[in-house]
Protein backbone atom coordinates (compact mmCIF):
# COMPACT_ATOMS: atom_id res chain seq x y z
CA THR A 1 -88.65 104.51 -4.74
CA TYR A 2 -85.06 103.32 -4.58
CA LEU A 3 -86.21 100.28 -2.59
CA LEU A 4 -88.32 99.05 -5.52
CA GLY A 5 -85.20 98.28 -7.49
CA MET A 6 -83.57 96.34 -4.69
CA PRO A 7 -85.38 92.99 -5.09
CA VAL A 8 -83.90 92.49 -8.54
CA LEU A 9 -80.37 92.80 -7.11
CA GLN A 10 -78.44 90.02 -5.46
CA ASN A 11 -79.12 89.16 -1.85
CA ASN A 12 -75.83 90.53 -0.50
CA GLN A 13 -76.31 93.82 -2.34
CA THR A 14 -79.78 94.24 -0.85
CA LEU A 15 -78.57 93.61 2.67
CA ALA A 16 -75.61 95.91 2.16
CA THR A 17 -77.95 98.72 1.16
CA LEU A 18 -80.13 98.07 4.22
CA THR A 19 -77.04 98.10 6.42
CA THR A 20 -76.14 101.51 5.03
CA LEU A 21 -79.65 102.76 5.81
CA SER A 22 -79.40 101.37 9.33
CA HIS A 23 -76.69 103.87 10.27
CA PHE A 24 -79.05 106.77 9.72
CA PRO A 25 -81.46 106.43 12.67
CA GLN A 26 -79.17 104.84 15.22
CA GLY A 27 -79.09 106.89 18.42
CA LYS A 28 -81.18 109.76 17.04
CA GLY A 29 -84.54 108.99 18.65
CA ILE A 30 -87.94 107.91 17.50
CA ASN A 31 -88.48 110.99 15.32
CA ASP A 32 -85.51 110.13 13.14
CA LEU A 33 -86.81 106.54 12.88
CA ARG A 34 -90.20 107.77 11.70
CA ALA A 35 -88.46 110.06 9.21
CA CYS A 36 -86.47 107.11 7.90
CA GLU A 37 -89.63 105.02 7.67
CA GLY A 38 -91.11 107.68 5.44
CA PHE A 39 -88.54 106.72 2.80
CA PHE A 40 -88.82 102.94 2.75
CA LEU A 41 -92.19 102.11 4.33
CA PRO A 42 -94.61 103.22 1.53
CA PRO A 43 -92.87 101.35 -1.31
CA LEU A 44 -92.28 98.35 0.97
CA LEU A 45 -95.98 98.16 1.82
CA SER A 46 -96.95 98.46 -1.83
CA ALA A 47 -94.57 95.65 -2.76
CA VAL A 48 -95.72 93.42 0.12
CA CYS A 49 -99.35 93.86 -0.93
CA GLY A 50 -98.50 92.88 -4.51
CA GLU A 51 -99.11 96.23 -6.20
CA TYR A 52 -95.95 95.83 -8.31
CA GLY A 53 -96.54 92.25 -9.41
CA ALA A 54 -96.03 88.80 -7.97
CA LEU A 55 -92.30 88.61 -8.80
CA VAL A 56 -91.43 91.84 -6.99
CA SER A 57 -93.61 90.85 -4.02
CA GLU A 58 -91.94 87.44 -3.76
CA ARG A 59 -88.42 88.89 -3.79
CA VAL A 60 -89.28 91.65 -1.34
CA LEU A 61 -90.69 89.09 1.12
CA LEU A 62 -87.68 86.84 0.66
CA TYR A 63 -84.82 89.35 0.80
CA VAL A 64 -85.92 92.84 1.82
CA LEU A 65 -88.49 92.33 4.58
CA PRO A 66 -86.28 90.13 6.85
CA GLY A 67 -83.44 92.62 6.50
CA VAL A 68 -85.67 95.58 7.33
CA LEU A 69 -87.07 93.88 10.44
CA ARG A 70 -83.61 92.87 11.62
CA ILE A 71 -82.26 96.42 11.32
CA PHE A 72 -85.45 98.28 12.31
CA PRO A 73 -87.35 95.98 14.73
CA GLU A 74 -89.34 99.00 15.95
CA SER A 75 -90.81 99.37 12.46
CA LEU A 76 -92.85 96.21 12.93
CA HIS A 77 -95.53 98.27 14.68
CA SER A 78 -95.69 100.73 11.79
CA LEU A 79 -95.96 97.93 9.23
CA LEU A 80 -98.79 96.21 11.10
CA ALA A 81 -100.62 99.49 11.73
CA SER A 82 -100.42 100.46 8.05
CA LEU A 83 -101.61 97.03 6.88
CA CYS A 84 -104.47 97.08 9.37
CA GLY A 85 -105.40 100.53 8.11
CA ARG A 86 -105.59 99.17 4.57
CA LEU A 87 -107.80 96.31 5.78
CA GLU A 88 -110.02 98.74 7.62
CA ALA A 89 -110.38 100.85 4.49
CA SER A 90 -111.25 97.76 2.42
CA SER A 91 -114.55 95.91 2.48
CA LEU A 92 -113.26 93.00 4.53
CA PHE A 93 -115.26 93.97 7.61
CA ALA A 94 -118.28 95.31 5.77
CA ALA A 95 -121.50 93.49 6.51
CA GLY A 96 -122.71 91.20 3.77
CA VAL A 97 -119.54 91.55 1.66
CA ALA A 98 -117.50 88.47 0.80
CA PRO A 99 -113.91 88.57 2.13
CA ALA A 100 -112.40 87.33 -1.12
CA LEU A 101 -112.16 90.74 -2.80
CA SER A 102 -108.78 91.46 -4.34
CA ASP A 103 -107.91 94.54 -2.27
CA ALA A 104 -108.69 92.91 1.07
CA THR A 105 -107.05 89.63 0.04
CA ASP A 106 -103.78 91.33 -0.93
CA SER A 107 -103.67 93.32 2.31
CA LEU A 108 -104.45 90.21 4.35
CA ARG A 109 -101.72 88.27 2.54
CA GLY A 110 -99.27 91.08 3.28
CA LEU A 111 -100.25 91.17 6.95
CA LEU A 112 -99.70 87.40 7.31
CA ALA A 113 -96.35 87.67 5.49
CA VAL A 114 -95.14 90.39 7.90
CA LEU A 115 -96.29 88.41 10.96
CA ASN A 116 -94.67 85.21 9.68
CA THR A 117 -91.37 86.96 9.00
CA ALA A 118 -91.39 88.61 12.42
CA ARG A 119 -92.11 85.27 14.09
CA ARG A 120 -89.31 83.49 12.25
CA LEU A 121 -86.96 86.24 13.46
CA GLY A 122 -88.16 85.76 17.04
CA GLN A 123 -89.63 89.24 17.32
CA ILE A 124 -93.12 87.96 18.16
CA ASP A 125 -94.30 84.75 19.79
CA GLY A 126 -97.51 83.22 21.02
CA GLN A 127 -97.76 85.68 23.87
CA THR A 128 -97.46 88.59 21.45
CA LEU A 129 -100.32 87.17 19.38
CA LEU A 130 -102.41 87.01 22.53
CA HIS A 131 -101.68 90.69 23.16
CA LEU A 132 -102.65 91.51 19.60
CA ILE A 133 -105.98 89.71 19.75
CA GLY A 134 -106.74 91.31 23.10
CA SER A 135 -106.79 88.11 25.20
CA LEU A 136 -104.00 89.47 27.40
CA PRO A 137 -103.26 93.05 28.43
CA SER A 138 -100.46 94.71 26.53
CA PRO A 139 -97.07 94.81 28.27
CA SER A 140 -96.43 97.99 30.17
CA THR A 141 -92.95 98.41 28.80
CA SER A 142 -91.34 97.83 25.47
CA SER A 143 -87.80 96.72 24.83
CA SER A 144 -85.96 96.66 21.56
CA SER A 145 -82.42 96.20 20.43
CA GLY A 146 -80.83 97.64 17.39
CA GLY A 147 -78.93 94.41 16.71
CA GLY A 148 -82.16 92.68 15.79
CA ASP A 149 -81.33 89.14 17.01
CA ALA A 150 -83.11 89.48 20.36
CA PRO A 151 -86.88 89.35 20.25
CA ALA A 152 -88.49 92.75 20.36
CA THR A 153 -91.44 92.99 22.76
CA ILE A 154 -93.44 95.87 21.32
CA GLN A 155 -96.37 97.65 22.91
CA PHE A 156 -98.89 97.68 20.08
CA GLN A 157 -101.03 100.76 20.14
CA GLY A 158 -102.91 102.52 17.41
CA PRO A 159 -105.78 101.22 15.29
CA ALA A 160 -108.47 99.29 17.08
CA LEU A 161 -108.27 96.77 14.24
CA LEU A 162 -105.14 95.29 15.83
CA GLY A 163 -107.44 93.81 18.46
CA GLN A 164 -109.33 91.97 15.70
CA LEU A 165 -106.39 89.78 14.69
CA GLU A 166 -108.32 86.69 15.75
CA TYR A 167 -110.94 87.47 13.14
CA LEU A 168 -108.27 88.08 10.50
CA ILE A 169 -106.52 84.77 11.19
CA THR A 170 -109.85 82.92 11.24
CA THR A 171 -110.79 84.52 7.93
CA ALA A 172 -107.47 83.41 6.40
CA LEU A 173 -107.83 79.86 7.74
CA VAL A 174 -111.19 79.40 5.97
CA HIS A 175 -110.30 81.41 2.86
CA SER A 176 -110.75 79.94 -0.59
CA ASP A 177 -107.13 80.80 -1.45
CA GLU A 178 -104.84 77.92 -0.40
CA SER A 179 -101.82 80.20 0.00
CA LEU A 180 -103.68 82.32 2.58
CA ARG A 181 -104.76 79.23 4.50
CA LEU A 182 -101.22 77.92 4.55
CA ALA A 183 -99.77 81.28 5.64
CA ALA A 184 -102.22 81.51 8.54
CA LEU A 185 -101.48 77.91 9.57
CA GLU A 186 -97.72 78.56 9.47
CA LEU A 187 -98.16 81.66 11.64
CA ILE A 188 -99.82 79.75 14.48
CA CYS A 189 -97.77 76.53 14.18
CA VAL A 190 -94.15 77.44 13.45
CA SER A 191 -91.85 78.98 16.04
CA PRO A 192 -88.04 79.34 16.09
CA LYS A 193 -88.10 78.12 19.70
CA LEU A 194 -88.58 74.36 19.61
CA THR A 195 -89.63 74.15 23.26
CA GLU A 196 -92.19 76.98 23.14
CA LEU A 197 -95.55 75.59 24.18
CA PRO A 198 -98.43 76.61 21.91
CA THR A 199 -101.05 78.84 23.42
CA LEU A 200 -104.69 77.88 23.78
CA PHE A 201 -105.51 80.35 21.03
CA GLU A 202 -103.09 78.64 18.65
CA LEU A 203 -104.48 75.19 19.43
CA SER A 204 -108.03 76.44 18.87
CA MET A 205 -107.03 77.86 15.48
CA VAL A 206 -105.38 74.55 14.53
CA ARG A 207 -108.58 72.73 15.43
CA ARG A 208 -110.57 75.08 13.22
CA PHE A 209 -108.19 74.57 10.30
CA LEU A 210 -108.05 70.77 10.57
CA SER A 211 -111.82 70.46 10.83
CA LEU A 212 -112.18 72.04 7.38
CA ASN A 213 -109.02 71.01 5.50
CA LEU A 214 -108.50 67.27 5.95
CA LYS A 215 -109.86 66.54 2.48
CA VAL A 216 -107.13 67.94 0.22
CA PRO A 217 -107.29 67.22 -3.52
CA HIS A 218 -103.90 68.73 -4.43
CA PRO A 219 -100.74 66.79 -3.47
CA GLN A 220 -98.57 69.90 -3.18
CA PHE A 221 -100.92 71.56 -0.69
CA ARG A 222 -101.12 68.28 1.23
CA TYR A 223 -97.34 68.05 1.56
CA GLN A 224 -97.12 71.67 2.71
CA ILE A 225 -99.74 71.05 5.40
CA LEU A 226 -97.89 67.92 6.47
CA SER A 227 -94.63 69.85 6.84
CA VAL A 228 -96.23 72.54 8.98
CA LEU A 229 -98.05 70.00 11.18
CA GLN A 230 -94.82 68.09 11.72
CA ARG A 231 -93.19 71.19 13.19
CA LEU A 232 -96.24 71.85 15.35
CA LEU A 233 -96.31 68.32 16.78
CA THR A 234 -92.57 68.35 17.44
CA ARG A 235 -92.88 71.72 19.16
CA LEU A 236 -95.85 70.46 21.19
CA LYS A 237 -93.93 67.38 22.31
CA GLU A 238 -90.71 69.20 23.18
CA GLY A 239 -92.54 71.98 25.00
CA ALA A 240 -94.66 69.54 27.00
CA ALA A 241 -91.60 67.42 27.84
CA LYS A 242 -89.84 70.52 29.15
CA ALA A 243 -92.83 71.46 31.30
CA TYR A 244 -93.25 67.89 32.60
CA LYS A 245 -92.14 67.33 36.17
CA PRO A 246 -91.74 63.64 37.14
CA GLY A 247 -94.01 62.60 39.96
CA LYS A 248 -96.59 65.32 39.30
CA SER A 249 -99.75 64.85 37.24
CA THR A 250 -99.87 68.56 36.40
CA SER A 251 -97.27 71.25 35.94
CA PRO A 252 -97.45 75.03 36.25
CA VAL A 253 -98.12 76.97 33.07
CA PRO A 254 -95.04 79.09 32.21
CA HIS A 255 -97.06 82.00 30.80
CA PRO A 256 -100.73 83.03 30.92
CA GLY A 257 -102.62 81.53 28.00
CA ASP A 258 -100.14 78.72 27.38
CA ALA A 259 -101.40 75.16 27.05
CA SER A 260 -100.98 72.88 30.07
CA LEU A 261 -100.20 69.15 29.96
CA THR A 262 -103.92 68.43 30.24
CA ASP A 263 -104.58 70.65 27.23
CA VAL A 264 -101.84 68.86 25.29
CA VAL A 265 -103.36 65.44 26.03
CA ASP A 266 -106.84 66.66 25.08
CA PHE A 267 -105.57 68.11 21.81
CA VAL A 268 -103.67 64.95 20.80
CA ASN A 269 -106.67 62.74 21.65
CA TRP A 270 -109.00 65.02 19.69
CA PHE A 271 -106.55 65.03 16.78
CA SER A 272 -106.31 61.22 16.66
CA PHE A 273 -110.11 60.88 16.85
CA LEU A 274 -110.53 63.37 13.99
CA LEU A 275 -108.04 61.47 11.84
CA ALA A 276 -109.65 58.10 12.59
CA SER A 277 -113.11 59.46 11.75
CA SER A 278 -111.90 60.23 8.22
CA LEU A 279 -110.85 56.61 7.58
CA TYR A 280 -114.36 55.27 7.07
CA PRO A 281 -115.06 52.52 4.49
CA GLY A 282 -115.51 53.77 0.95
CA ALA A 283 -113.95 57.17 1.61
CA PRO A 284 -112.43 58.83 -1.49
CA TYR A 285 -108.69 59.08 -1.89
CA PRO A 286 -108.43 62.84 -1.08
CA ARG A 287 -110.31 62.19 2.17
CA LYS A 288 -107.95 59.41 3.32
CA ALA A 289 -104.58 60.58 1.99
CA LEU A 290 -103.82 63.41 4.42
CA PRO A 291 -105.31 61.74 7.55
CA LEU A 292 -103.24 58.59 7.01
CA GLU A 293 -100.03 60.55 6.48
CA VAL A 294 -100.70 62.77 9.49
CA TYR A 295 -101.64 59.73 11.59
CA LYS A 296 -98.29 58.18 10.78
CA LEU A 297 -96.57 61.42 11.76
CA LEU A 298 -98.61 61.62 14.98
CA VAL A 299 -97.65 58.08 15.99
CA GLU A 300 -93.97 58.58 15.15
CA VAL A 301 -93.79 61.76 17.24
CA TRP A 302 -95.68 60.53 20.30
CA SER A 303 -94.80 56.85 20.34
CA PRO A 304 -92.42 55.98 23.21
CA ALA A 305 -89.74 54.46 21.00
CA PRO A 306 -87.01 52.68 23.00
CA LEU A 307 -83.69 54.43 23.32
CA ASP A 308 -80.74 52.95 21.48
CA THR A 309 -78.30 52.15 24.25
CA ASN A 310 -75.61 51.06 21.80
CA LYS A 311 -75.13 54.62 20.53
CA THR A 312 -73.28 56.95 22.86
CA GLU A 313 -74.09 60.61 22.52
CA LYS A 314 -71.03 62.84 22.78
CA ASN A 315 -73.08 65.75 24.07
CA ALA A 316 -74.13 64.85 27.62
CA LYS A 317 -76.77 67.56 27.67
CA MET A 318 -78.35 66.22 24.49
CA MET A 319 -78.35 62.69 25.90
CA GLU A 320 -80.04 63.92 29.08
CA HIS A 321 -82.67 65.68 26.99
CA MET A 322 -83.37 62.49 25.00
CA VAL A 323 -83.76 60.46 28.21
CA SER A 324 -86.13 63.00 29.76
CA THR A 325 -88.22 63.16 26.57
CA HIS A 326 -88.43 59.38 26.49
CA LYS A 327 -89.61 59.28 30.11
CA PHE A 328 -92.24 61.88 29.32
CA CYS A 329 -93.55 59.85 26.33
CA VAL A 330 -93.68 56.70 28.48
CA TRP A 331 -95.66 58.58 31.12
CA LEU A 332 -98.00 60.10 28.54
CA SER A 333 -98.59 56.99 26.40
CA PRO A 334 -101.34 55.41 28.59
CA GLN A 335 -103.32 58.66 28.39
CA LEU A 336 -103.28 58.81 24.58
CA LYS A 337 -106.31 57.28 22.89
CA MET A 338 -104.57 56.89 19.55
CA PHE A 339 -103.20 53.56 20.83
CA ASP A 340 -106.43 51.64 21.47
CA ARG A 341 -108.24 48.68 19.97
CA MET A 342 -110.69 50.79 17.97
CA ASN A 343 -107.95 52.65 16.08
CA THR A 344 -106.01 49.43 15.55
CA SER A 345 -109.09 47.80 14.03
CA ILE A 346 -109.72 50.86 11.84
CA LEU A 347 -106.18 50.68 10.47
CA PHE A 348 -106.44 46.94 9.83
CA ASN A 349 -109.66 47.56 7.89
CA ASN A 350 -107.82 50.18 5.83
CA LEU A 351 -105.41 47.49 4.70
CA TRP A 352 -108.41 46.37 2.60
CA ASP A 353 -108.68 49.80 0.94
CA ARG A 354 -109.03 49.93 -2.83
CA PHE A 355 -106.14 52.40 -3.19
CA ASP A 356 -102.59 51.02 -3.08
CA ARG A 357 -101.11 54.09 -1.41
CA CYS A 358 -103.74 54.04 1.34
CA ARG A 359 -102.94 50.39 2.08
CA GLU A 360 -99.24 51.20 2.30
CA TRP A 361 -99.83 54.18 4.62
CA ALA A 362 -102.12 52.15 6.89
CA CYS A 363 -99.45 49.44 7.10
CA SER A 364 -96.75 51.97 7.98
CA VAL A 365 -98.94 53.39 10.77
CA LEU A 366 -99.49 49.92 12.22
CA MET A 367 -95.76 49.23 12.03
CA ALA A 368 -95.17 52.33 14.18
CA PHE A 369 -97.72 51.23 16.81
CA PRO A 370 -96.50 49.83 20.15
CA THR A 371 -95.79 46.11 20.51
CA PRO A 372 -98.02 44.18 20.99
CA LEU A 373 -100.70 45.95 19.02
CA PRO A 374 -103.31 47.60 21.28
CA GLY A 375 -106.32 45.33 21.65
CA PHE A 376 -104.47 42.31 20.26
CA GLU A 377 -102.28 41.28 23.17
CA GLN A 378 -103.56 37.70 23.52
CA PRO A 379 -102.71 34.83 21.12
CA ASP A 380 -106.36 33.99 20.38
CA THR A 381 -107.00 37.50 19.00
CA VAL A 382 -103.83 37.31 16.89
CA ILE A 383 -104.79 33.90 15.50
CA THR A 384 -107.89 35.48 13.95
CA LEU A 385 -105.71 38.03 12.14
CA VAL A 386 -103.28 35.34 10.96
CA GLU A 387 -106.03 33.22 9.45
CA TRP A 388 -107.59 36.30 7.84
CA GLY A 389 -104.24 37.27 6.29
CA LEU A 390 -103.60 33.73 5.01
CA ARG A 391 -107.05 33.53 3.45
CA LEU A 392 -106.57 36.86 1.66
CA ALA A 393 -103.03 36.05 0.56
CA ALA A 394 -104.36 32.94 -1.15
CA GLY A 395 -106.95 34.93 -3.07
CA PRO A 396 -106.88 35.29 -6.87
CA LYS A 397 -107.28 39.10 -6.91
CA ASN A 398 -104.42 41.53 -6.58
CA ARG A 399 -106.15 43.59 -3.88
CA GLU A 400 -106.73 40.48 -1.75
CA CYS A 401 -103.14 39.32 -2.18
CA ASP A 402 -101.70 42.67 -1.23
CA THR A 403 -103.96 43.00 1.82
CA GLY A 404 -103.10 39.52 3.06
CA ALA A 405 -99.39 40.10 2.52
CA LEU A 406 -99.50 43.39 4.45
CA VAL A 407 -101.42 41.81 7.33
CA LEU A 408 -98.86 39.01 7.63
CA LYS A 409 -96.05 41.54 7.36
CA VAL A 410 -97.39 43.53 10.33
CA LEU A 411 -97.91 40.37 12.40
CA TYR A 412 -94.41 39.15 11.57
CA LYS A 413 -92.85 42.45 12.65
CA LYS A 414 -94.85 42.86 15.87
CA TYR A 415 -95.19 39.32 17.18
CA VAL A 416 -92.55 37.16 15.54
CA GLN A 417 -89.62 39.56 15.38
CA HIS A 418 -90.31 41.61 18.53
CA LEU A 419 -92.00 39.06 20.82
CA GLY A 420 -90.58 35.80 19.46
CA TRP A 421 -93.93 34.07 18.93
CA ARG A 422 -93.83 30.92 16.78
CA ILE A 423 -96.78 31.21 14.39
CA SER A 424 -97.64 28.05 12.45
CA PHE A 425 -100.48 27.18 10.10
CA ASP A 426 -101.61 23.90 8.57
CA ALA A 427 -102.82 23.02 5.06
CA GLU A 428 -106.41 24.05 5.89
CA GLY A 429 -105.32 27.56 6.95
CA ARG A 430 -105.75 27.04 10.70
CA ALA A 431 -103.13 28.89 12.74
CA SER A 432 -101.58 28.26 16.14
CA ILE A 433 -99.19 30.30 18.28
CA GLU A 434 -96.46 29.21 20.69
CA GLU A 435 -95.19 31.88 23.04
CA PRO A 436 -91.51 31.81 24.06
CA PRO A 437 -90.73 30.37 27.48
CA LYS A 438 -89.56 32.87 30.03
CA GLU A 439 -86.29 31.10 30.81
CA THR A 440 -85.18 31.06 27.15
CA ALA A 441 -82.76 33.66 25.83
CA ALA A 442 -84.88 36.28 24.10
CA THR A 443 -82.64 37.12 21.14
CA SER A 444 -81.90 33.55 20.05
CA PHE A 445 -85.52 32.49 20.39
CA HIS A 446 -86.70 35.52 18.39
CA LEU A 447 -84.29 34.75 15.57
CA GLY A 448 -85.39 31.13 15.57
CA ALA A 449 -89.04 32.23 15.41
CA GLN A 450 -88.25 34.28 12.29
CA VAL A 451 -86.71 31.26 10.57
CA PHE A 452 -89.70 29.15 11.57
CA PHE A 453 -92.20 31.72 10.19
CA VAL A 454 -90.41 31.80 6.82
CA SER A 455 -90.43 27.99 6.71
CA GLN A 456 -94.20 28.01 7.28
CA LEU A 457 -94.69 30.42 4.37
CA LEU A 458 -92.52 28.21 2.18
CA ASP A 459 -94.71 25.22 3.08
CA VAL A 460 -97.77 27.16 1.86
CA LEU A 461 -95.99 28.18 -1.33
CA GLN A 462 -94.88 24.60 -1.99
CA ARG A 463 -98.46 23.34 -1.63
CA HIS A 464 -99.65 25.95 -4.15
CA VAL A 465 -96.90 24.98 -6.59
CA ASP A 466 -97.83 21.31 -6.28
CA VAL A 467 -101.47 22.09 -7.06
CA ALA A 468 -100.46 24.22 -10.07
CA SER A 469 -98.25 21.45 -11.44
CA LYS A 470 -101.28 19.12 -11.49
CA ASP A 471 -104.19 21.41 -12.40
CA LEU A 472 -103.68 24.99 -13.58
CA GLY A 473 -107.37 25.82 -13.41
CA GLU A 474 -107.66 24.73 -9.79
CA ALA A 475 -104.50 26.63 -8.89
CA ALA A 476 -105.66 29.80 -10.61
CA GLN A 477 -109.00 29.76 -8.79
CA HIS A 478 -108.11 28.52 -5.28
CA HIS A 479 -104.30 28.26 -4.89
CA PRO A 480 -102.58 31.19 -6.64
CA MET A 481 -98.91 31.77 -5.86
CA HIS A 482 -98.72 35.54 -6.17
CA GLY A 483 -99.98 36.42 -2.68
CA VAL A 484 -97.65 34.01 -0.87
CA MET A 485 -94.66 35.22 -2.89
CA LEU A 486 -95.55 38.82 -2.08
CA THR A 487 -95.76 37.91 1.62
CA LEU A 488 -92.31 36.31 1.47
CA ARG A 489 -90.95 39.42 -0.18
CA TYR A 490 -92.36 41.71 2.53
CA VAL A 491 -91.17 39.43 5.32
CA LEU A 492 -87.64 39.05 3.99
CA LEU A 493 -87.33 42.83 3.63
CA GLU A 494 -88.25 43.19 7.33
CA MET A 495 -85.83 40.45 8.42
CA ASP A 496 -83.61 41.33 11.37
CA THR A 497 -80.01 40.61 10.41
CA SER A 498 -78.47 41.50 13.77
CA MET A 499 -76.92 38.49 15.47
CA ASN A 500 -76.30 39.57 19.06
CA VAL A 501 -76.08 35.98 20.28
CA LYS A 502 -73.38 33.49 21.19
CA SER A 503 -71.23 31.96 18.49
CA LYS A 504 -72.82 28.51 18.78
CA GLU A 505 -76.34 29.89 18.57
CA ARG A 506 -75.30 32.14 15.70
CA THR A 507 -74.05 29.10 13.78
CA ASN A 508 -77.34 27.26 14.28
CA ILE A 509 -79.37 30.28 13.19
CA MET A 510 -77.22 30.84 10.11
CA ASP A 511 -77.59 27.18 9.17
CA GLY A 512 -81.35 27.52 9.50
CA TRP A 513 -81.42 30.61 7.28
CA ARG A 514 -79.17 28.91 4.73
CA ALA A 515 -81.51 25.92 4.55
CA GLN A 516 -84.54 28.16 4.09
CA VAL A 517 -82.84 30.19 1.35
CA GLU A 518 -81.91 27.03 -0.53
CA ARG A 519 -85.45 25.78 -0.17
CA LEU A 520 -86.80 29.14 -1.37
CA ILE A 521 -84.67 29.05 -4.51
CA ALA A 522 -85.74 25.49 -5.29
CA THR A 523 -89.42 26.34 -4.79
CA LEU A 524 -89.12 29.40 -7.02
CA VAL A 525 -87.49 27.31 -9.75
CA ASN A 526 -90.41 24.88 -9.64
CA ALA A 527 -92.85 27.80 -9.73
CA VAL A 528 -91.10 29.25 -12.77
CA ASN A 529 -91.32 25.93 -14.58
CA VAL A 530 -95.06 25.85 -13.93
CA VAL A 531 -95.62 29.45 -14.96
CA LEU A 532 -93.60 29.09 -18.17
CA ARG A 533 -96.17 26.65 -19.49
CA VAL A 534 -98.76 29.42 -19.31
CA VAL A 535 -96.53 32.13 -20.72
CA ALA A 536 -94.80 30.24 -23.52
CA ASP A 537 -97.42 27.72 -24.63
CA ARG A 538 -100.06 28.99 -27.02
CA ALA A 539 -102.68 26.60 -25.57
CA PRO A 540 -101.69 25.82 -21.96
CA GLU A 541 -105.17 24.60 -21.05
CA GLY A 542 -105.06 21.91 -23.76
CA PHE A 543 -107.49 23.61 -26.14
CA ALA A 544 -106.65 23.37 -29.84
CA GLU A 545 -107.71 25.86 -32.52
CA GLN A 546 -109.35 23.19 -34.69
CA ASP A 547 -111.75 22.33 -31.87
CA ALA A 548 -113.36 25.78 -31.96
CA PRO A 549 -116.16 25.09 -34.56
CA SER A 550 -117.57 22.21 -32.51
CA ARG A 551 -118.28 24.49 -29.53
CA PRO A 552 -120.91 27.22 -30.10
CA LEU A 553 -119.61 29.55 -27.40
CA LEU A 554 -116.01 29.25 -28.49
CA ALA A 555 -117.00 29.48 -32.15
CA ALA A 556 -118.62 32.83 -31.50
CA ASN A 557 -115.46 34.03 -29.80
CA ALA A 558 -113.31 32.67 -32.63
CA SER A 559 -115.39 34.48 -35.26
CA ALA A 560 -115.11 37.71 -33.27
CA ASP A 561 -111.34 37.29 -33.18
CA ALA A 562 -111.22 36.58 -36.90
CA ASP A 563 -113.08 39.83 -37.62
CA GLN A 564 -110.42 41.82 -35.80
CA GLU A 565 -107.30 39.99 -37.02
CA PRO A 566 -107.08 41.44 -40.58
CA VAL A 567 -107.07 44.95 -39.16
CA ALA A 568 -104.23 44.02 -36.83
CA ASP A 569 -102.26 42.49 -39.74
CA GLU A 570 -102.72 45.64 -41.83
CA ASP A 571 -101.61 47.92 -38.97
CA GLU A 572 -98.60 45.91 -37.84
CA GLY A 573 -97.44 44.04 -40.99
CA ASP A 574 -97.44 46.91 -43.52
CA GLY A 575 -97.56 44.39 -46.37
CA GLU A 576 -94.53 42.34 -45.22
CA ASP A 577 -94.42 38.52 -44.75
CA GLU A 578 -97.24 37.89 -47.26
CA ASP A 579 -96.61 34.12 -47.21
CA GLU A 580 -97.70 33.83 -43.57
CA ASP A 581 -101.20 32.62 -42.70
CA ASP A 582 -103.59 35.58 -42.57
CA ASP A 583 -105.74 33.81 -39.99
CA ALA A 584 -102.86 33.43 -37.48
CA PRO A 585 -103.50 35.85 -34.59
CA SER A 586 -100.88 37.80 -32.73
CA PRO A 587 -99.13 35.62 -30.12
CA PHE A 588 -99.81 38.16 -27.34
CA VAL A 589 -103.52 38.43 -28.15
CA SER A 590 -103.76 34.68 -28.74
CA THR A 591 -102.33 33.75 -25.34
CA LYS A 592 -104.75 35.97 -23.46
CA HIS A 593 -107.78 34.83 -25.44
CA ARG A 594 -106.85 31.17 -25.21
CA VAL A 595 -106.45 31.30 -21.44
CA LEU A 596 -109.87 32.96 -21.17
CA ARG A 597 -111.38 30.34 -23.46
CA GLY A 598 -109.87 27.57 -21.38
CA GLN A 599 -111.46 29.02 -18.23
CA MET A 600 -114.85 29.13 -20.00
CA VAL A 601 -114.44 25.53 -21.17
CA SER A 602 -113.74 24.32 -17.63
CA PHE A 603 -116.71 26.38 -16.37
CA TYR A 604 -119.23 25.06 -18.87
């Protein structure tokens, strides 16, 4: 009963009280421990299962339960046995009864909370879960330490329900309550040991969860899943890199039931295929949001990013670990199917998605892909993408402009900046590619290719400005400036400012950039002068108000505007400025309507 008041105290007071209790059973045998458990175990179980309200349960799980398990690691068995007894007494395992009843749900939530806390403290691991579900025989001996920091390997005996933990975790993973699903996922994914390989049971449970939970409507739940999966993928990579032995295709499994390197490759390939299958055309936003974010995370974790040789790591052991992990990723990369032409094409198609965030995520995944992009290693295949991006960037719709700009941004990053390809395109939108000669210095040629690509985009922008200065209607329909400007913005943000070249070459490159910046400013000034005619002039298309009665279509539009104008004057004027013309429309409404009328005049 005294323990029920502890969650409302401060954290240090709670732990101090638990420390005082810890002196009671030390060195007095298992009977004294069971006697001590009789004081704190019943109220602790009631609080964990939420019998005293959500606030008390939250504070007990946050402050009291970790302290109890640190001081009394042997009590973990009693906690699990009691919770399993509650589940056995509930209707969770009754035939034909739904598992969402309140009593079973609270006991299941408490069981997952105890297992999660014990795993964070290192008292159970994947092997312990295998013992609990009955896949492995229980250890013959049990070891525990009163200090609590060392993992306690406990021989679980008692209720037969402990052997049904697989069913309990599966039930939680498919439960309608999101908190239960997340708790079960955290139990099988998160481990305090970063290099602990997941077991086959854990990977099978992750597969079951992902197959049913990729379409997430709530952003908060999506971010929580993403955080847990990030720790799982990092743990999978570090554990596999530790088990990898150079020169051997396979490696011995450290423990029975652990995943081998073959199992790791199969899981990653299955994961990437599952994510790509959710990126179909016309998929709703909740279906695409989580797969795109997880795909980006998957590529960032498993991509063999080059090591930065300019940074020297003070810790030699850490540097050795980074080198070995990099070698493992290089060895594993050809076996991963996430980097193939099909997935690259799927991501390029998602740049045409109707949701802005999905287009941004697809672009970020492509930016994390290896260079050159898988399936697009030859110049003729890249030329097709360049012409497609130019055609979309010159489109009048915002979605087309953004897609074209993102396509050109990816191609600039992968082929111009990394490979030094000189991509040029003429006035008709036909592209050509010049690869760098092998005897040319790579860095200087790459920087020169970046300047050349920007100059090509400025040529396109200048042609669009020239058309707009002559005919606004033609420019609005076939030569808009927005897409090209957006492409220039994306490209300049990705510009590589490092100048690791000789002083003479650096001077030439800086002169080239200076000339392009001056040209960009001049082109933008001309574009502003053209656009101001549309924004400031009340009739930029040359249509006058007095010409409206002579045109039946425009007269109908003018009469419709006149019917709405007195209401606008009454709402906005409030009786002021009575000398002004009542028929004069608002300048904001007038500009929009006049531009639309001008387009209809040119059409008819």
